[in-house]
C-alpha atoms as a PDB file:
ATOM      1  CA  ALA A   1      -3.728 -28.040 -39.651  1.00  0.00           C
ATOM      2  CA  ASN A   2      -2.639 -24.624 -38.368  1.00  0.00           C
ATOM      3  CA  ARG A   3      -3.797 -22.961 -41.565  1.00  0.00           C
ATOM      4  CA  LEU A   4      -7.206 -24.652 -41.315  1.00  0.00           C
ATOM      5  CA  GLU A   5      -7.533 -23.591 -37.663  1.00  0.00           C
ATOM      6  CA  ALA A   6      -6.697 -20.002 -38.553  1.00  0.00           C
ATOM      7  CA  LEU A   7      -9.282 -20.025 -41.363  1.00  0.00           C
ATOM      8  CA  VAL A   8     -12.004 -21.441 -39.098  1.00  0.00           C
ATOM      9  CA  GLU A   9     -11.085 -18.988 -36.343  1.00  0.00           C
ATOM     10  CA  THR A  10     -11.289 -16.054 -38.755  1.00  0.00           C
ATOM     11  CA  ARG A  11     -14.687 -17.163 -40.090  1.00  0.00           C
ATOM     12  CA  ILE A  12     -16.068 -17.595 -36.572  1.00  0.00           C
ATOM     13  CA  ASP A  13     -14.737 -14.189 -35.543  1.00  0.00           C
ATOM     14  CA  LEU A  14     -16.269 -12.507 -38.591  1.00  0.00           C
ATOM     15  CA  SER A  15     -19.624 -14.197 -38.024  1.00  0.00           C
ATOM     16  CA  GLN A  16     -19.909 -12.897 -34.451  1.00  0.00           C
ATOM     17  CA  GLN A  17     -20.387  -9.225 -33.883  1.00  0.00           C
ATOM     18  CA  THR A  18     -19.671  -7.807 -30.474  1.00  0.00           C
ATOM     19  CA  PRO A  19     -19.881  -4.261 -29.085  1.00  0.00           C
ATOM     20  CA  SER A  20     -16.086  -4.027 -29.092  1.00  0.00           C
ATOM     21  CA  ASP A  21     -16.143  -4.443 -32.877  1.00  0.00           C
ATOM     22  CA  TYR A  22     -17.839  -1.064 -33.127  1.00  0.00           C
ATOM     23  CA  SER A  23     -16.799   0.801 -29.992  1.00  0.00           C
ATOM     24  CA  VAL A  24     -15.197   4.217 -29.979  1.00  0.00           C
ATOM     25  CA  GLN A  25     -13.284   5.549 -27.008  1.00  0.00           C
ATOM     26  CA  VAL A  26     -12.713   9.275 -26.711  1.00  0.00           C
ATOM     27  CA  LEU A  27      -9.583  10.076 -24.746  1.00  0.00           C
ATOM     28  CA  ASN A  28      -9.289  13.462 -23.028  1.00  0.00           C
ATOM     29  CA  PRO A  29     -12.663  14.846 -24.122  1.00  0.00           C
ATOM     30  CA  PRO A  30     -13.321  18.526 -23.467  1.00  0.00           C
ATOM     31  CA  GLU A  31     -14.552  19.105 -19.924  1.00  0.00           C
ATOM     32  CA  TYR A  32     -17.467  21.259 -21.060  1.00  0.00           C
ATOM     33  CA  VAL A  33     -19.034  18.344 -22.978  1.00  0.00           C
ATOM     34  CA  ASP A  34     -20.734  16.356 -20.254  1.00  0.00           C
ATOM     35  CA  ASN A  35     -23.931  15.339 -22.021  1.00  0.00           C
ATOM     36  CA  PRO A  36     -23.985  11.934 -23.766  1.00  0.00           C
ATOM     37  CA  ASP A  37     -26.550  13.281 -26.239  1.00  0.00           C
ATOM     38  CA  SER A  38     -23.893  15.647 -27.631  1.00  0.00           C
ATOM     39  CA  TYR A  39     -21.660  12.692 -28.455  1.00  0.00           C
ATOM     40  CA  TYR A  40     -24.616  10.762 -29.852  1.00  0.00           C
ATOM     41  CA  GLU A  41     -25.415  13.626 -32.242  1.00  0.00           C
ATOM     42  CA  PHE A  42     -21.774  14.048 -33.255  1.00  0.00           C
ATOM     43  CA  PHE A  43     -21.125  10.362 -33.968  1.00  0.00           C
ATOM     44  CA  SER A  44     -24.503   9.900 -35.655  1.00  0.00           C
ATOM     45  CA  ASP A  45     -23.620  12.696 -38.066  1.00  0.00           C
ATOM     46  CA  PHE A  46     -20.040  11.437 -38.457  1.00  0.00           C
ATOM     47  CA  PHE A  47     -21.016   7.835 -39.274  1.00  0.00           C
ATOM     48  CA  GLN A  48     -24.179   8.651 -41.252  1.00  0.00           C
ATOM     49  CA  ASN A  49     -22.646   8.603 -44.766  1.00  0.00           C
ATOM     50  CA  GLY A  50     -26.065   8.798 -46.393  1.00  0.00           C
ATOM     51  CA  GLN A  51     -27.462   6.000 -44.253  1.00  0.00           C
ATOM     52  CA  ASN A  52     -29.972   6.222 -41.443  1.00  0.00           C
ATOM     53  CA  ARG A  53     -28.881   7.524 -38.025  1.00  0.00           C
ATOM     54  CA  GLU A  54     -29.570   4.243 -36.272  1.00  0.00           C
ATOM     55  CA  ASP A  55     -25.930   3.165 -36.570  1.00  0.00           C
ATOM     56  CA  VAL A  56     -25.065   4.736 -33.198  1.00  0.00           C
ATOM     57  CA  VAL A  57     -26.826   2.596 -30.635  1.00  0.00           C
ATOM     58  CA  ALA A  58     -25.636   3.988 -27.314  1.00  0.00           C
ATOM     59  CA  VAL A  59     -23.222   6.440 -25.789  1.00  0.00           C
ATOM     60  CA  THR A  60     -21.783   5.854 -22.336  1.00  0.00           C
ATOM     61  CA  MET A  61     -19.683   8.412 -20.523  1.00  0.00           C
ATOM     62  CA  SER A  62     -17.511   7.670 -17.545  1.00  0.00           C
ATOM     63  CA  LYS A  63     -15.276  10.071 -15.699  1.00  0.00           C
ATOM     64  CA  ASP A  64     -11.708   9.350 -14.716  1.00  0.00           C
ATOM     65  CA  ASN A  65     -12.367   9.493 -10.990  1.00  0.00           C
ATOM     66  CA  GLY A  66      -9.827   7.052  -9.625  1.00  0.00           C
ATOM     67  CA  ALA A  67      -8.395   9.648  -7.222  1.00  0.00           C
ATOM     68  CA  LEU A  68     -11.870  10.341  -5.830  1.00  0.00           C
ATOM     69  CA  ILE A  69     -12.576   6.646  -5.312  1.00  0.00           C
ATOM     70  CA  GLN A  70      -9.232   6.223  -3.556  1.00  0.00           C
ATOM     71  CA  LEU A  71      -9.962   9.131  -1.194  1.00  0.00           C
ATOM     72  CA  LEU A  72     -13.404   7.741  -0.392  1.00  0.00           C
ATOM     73  CA  ALA A  73     -11.922   4.321   0.368  1.00  0.00           C
ATOM     74  CA  GLN A  74      -9.279   5.835   2.639  1.00  0.00           C
ATOM     75  CA  ARG A  75     -11.890   7.899   4.458  1.00  0.00           C
ATOM     76  CA  ARG A  76     -14.030   4.795   4.956  1.00  0.00           C
ATOM     77  CA  ALA A  77     -11.047   2.905   6.396  1.00  0.00           C
ATOM     78  CA  TYR A  78     -10.328   5.682   8.909  1.00  0.00           C
ATOM     79  CA  MET A  79     -14.012   5.873   9.815  1.00  0.00           C
ATOM     80  CA  GLN A  80     -13.999   2.123  10.449  1.00  0.00           C
ATOM     81  CA  ASP A  81     -10.914   2.489  12.640  1.00  0.00           C
ATOM     82  CA  LEU A  82     -12.711   5.143  14.702  1.00  0.00           C
ATOM     83  CA  ILE A  83     -15.722   2.833  15.076  1.00  0.00           C
ATOM     84  CA  ASP A  84     -13.368   0.043  16.157  1.00  0.00           C
ATOM     85  CA  PHE A  85     -11.743   2.334  18.755  1.00  0.00           C
ATOM     86  CA  ASP A  86     -15.191   3.187  20.152  1.00  0.00           C
ATOM     87  CA  ALA A  87     -16.199  -0.491  20.292  1.00  0.00           C
ATOM     88  CA  ARG A  88     -12.945  -1.404  22.019  1.00  0.00           C
ATOM     89  CA  ASP A  89     -13.417   1.386  24.560  1.00  0.00           C
ATOM     90  CA  ALA A  90     -16.987   0.293  25.291  1.00  0.00           C
ATOM     91  CA  ARG A  91     -15.828  -3.284  25.773  1.00  0.00           C
ATOM     92  CA  ILE A  92     -13.055  -2.185  28.150  1.00  0.00           C
ATOM     93  CA  ARG A  93     -15.495  -0.060  30.150  1.00  0.00           C
ATOM     94  CA  ALA A  94     -17.895  -2.968  30.458  1.00  0.00           C
ATOM     95  CA  GLU A  95     -15.230  -5.478  31.479  1.00  0.00           C
ATOM     96  CA  SER A  96     -12.930  -3.477  33.733  1.00  0.00           C
ATOM     97  CA  SER A  97     -12.753  -1.477  36.914  1.00  0.00           C
ATOM     98  CA  SER A  98     -12.759   2.324  36.921  1.00  0.00           C
ATOM     99  CA  SER A  99      -8.951   2.517  37.361  1.00  0.00           C
ATOM    100  CA  GLU A 100      -8.409   0.803  34.003  1.00  0.00           C
ATOM    101  CA  HIS A 101     -10.551   3.382  32.163  1.00  0.00           C
ATOM    102  CA  GLU A 102      -7.553   5.712  32.017  1.00  0.00           C
ATOM    103  CA  ILE A 103      -5.950   3.348  29.479  1.00  0.00           C
ATOM    104  CA  ILE A 104      -8.748   4.096  27.032  1.00  0.00           C
ATOM    105  CA  HIS A 105      -7.696   7.692  26.418  1.00  0.00           C
ATOM    106  CA  ASP A 106      -4.006   7.001  25.679  1.00  0.00           C
ATOM    107  CA  ASP A 107      -4.653   6.747  21.933  1.00  0.00           C
ATOM    108  CA  ALA A 108      -6.525  10.069  21.860  1.00  0.00           C
ATOM    109  CA  GLN A 109      -3.183  11.924  21.926  1.00  0.00           C
ATOM    110  CA  PRO A 110      -0.891  12.091  18.900  1.00  0.00           C
ATOM    111  CA  LEU A 111       2.376  10.199  19.005  1.00  0.00           C
ATOM    112  CA  SER A 112       5.557  12.209  19.329  1.00  0.00           C
ATOM    113  CA  GLY A 113       9.064  12.119  17.925  1.00  0.00           C
ATOM    114  CA  PHE A 114      10.232   9.252  15.796  1.00  0.00           C
ATOM    115  CA  LEU A 115       6.996   7.279  16.265  1.00  0.00           C
ATOM    116  CA  GLN A 116       5.026  10.158  14.790  1.00  0.00           C
ATOM    117  CA  PHE A 117       7.371  10.112  11.783  1.00  0.00           C
ATOM    118  CA  LEU A 118       6.849   6.359  11.313  1.00  0.00           C
ATOM    119  CA  GLN A 119       3.095   6.353  11.863  1.00  0.00           C
ATOM    120  CA  PRO A 120       1.974   7.163   8.270  1.00  0.00           C
ATOM    121  CA  TYR A 121       4.113   4.300   6.960  1.00  0.00           C
ATOM    122  CA  LEU A 122       3.116   1.720   9.566  1.00  0.00           C
ATOM    123  CA  TYR A 123      -0.536   2.616  10.110  1.00  0.00           C
ATOM    124  CA  PRO A 124      -1.773   0.805   6.963  1.00  0.00           C
ATOM    125  CA  TYR A 125      -0.206  -2.386   8.356  1.00  0.00           C
ATOM    126  CA  GLY A 126      -2.103  -2.101  11.625  1.00  0.00           C
ATOM    127  CA  LEU A 127       0.838  -0.711  13.588  1.00  0.00           C
ATOM    128  CA  LEU A 128       0.904   2.519  15.601  1.00  0.00           C
ATOM    129  CA  LYS A 129      -2.853   2.991  15.226  1.00  0.00           C
ATOM    130  CA  THR A 130      -4.195   5.815  17.332  1.00  0.00           C
ATOM    131  CA  ARG A 131      -7.553   7.526  17.492  1.00  0.00           C
ATOM    132  CA  ALA A 132      -5.852  10.915  17.073  1.00  0.00           C
ATOM    133  CA  TYR A 133      -4.174   9.894  13.807  1.00  0.00           C
ATOM    134  CA  ALA A 134      -7.330   8.284  12.403  1.00  0.00           C
ATOM    135  CA  GLN A 135      -9.387  11.379  13.228  1.00  0.00           C
ATOM    136  CA  ALA A 136      -6.791  13.774  11.786  1.00  0.00           C
ATOM    137  CA  GLU A 137      -6.490  11.775   8.553  1.00  0.00           C
ATOM    138  CA  LYS A 138     -10.259  11.470   8.195  1.00  0.00           C
ATOM    139  CA  ASP A 139     -10.589  15.242   8.662  1.00  0.00           C
ATOM    140  CA  ARG A 140      -7.799  15.887   6.136  1.00  0.00           C
ATOM    141  CA  ILE A 141      -9.425  13.642   3.537  1.00  0.00           C
ATOM    142  CA  GLU A 142     -12.827  15.252   4.071  1.00  0.00           C
ATOM    143  CA  GLY A 143     -11.159  18.615   3.474  1.00  0.00           C
ATOM    144  CA  ASP A 144      -9.677  17.284   0.224  1.00  0.00           C
ATOM    145  CA  LEU A 145     -13.082  16.020  -0.863  1.00  0.00           C
ATOM    146  CA  ARG A 146     -14.620  19.485  -0.541  1.00  0.00           C
END
């Protein structure tokens, strides 16, 4: 029974062609080659073997930009935190007396001492969030993106 299953599975696999059956992945391509047409020409010539050049159907290029995506996500998170601080401050202003408005600006100053040391580790968990830290990190990330 197992041998029959393997035979049927092999025949089904051979009868179905998928893009992965004919895909080529180029690892660490030269940085100066950024045009998909260059790869199309190269692989068309490489796989031609006396046949027509229609064997290469498409070329897709994607950059390894995981670090960029991570920076953009972090920047977006800090921007959202700053929006949340502004919304919280507006709500406090609308709901409180003028003496309570002084509380709003406490998070505009950086933490000091041991709390400042802990802040980068605890901030992602929602602890020790301050406007000053969010703004500084957003500015740092924007500098890295330039």
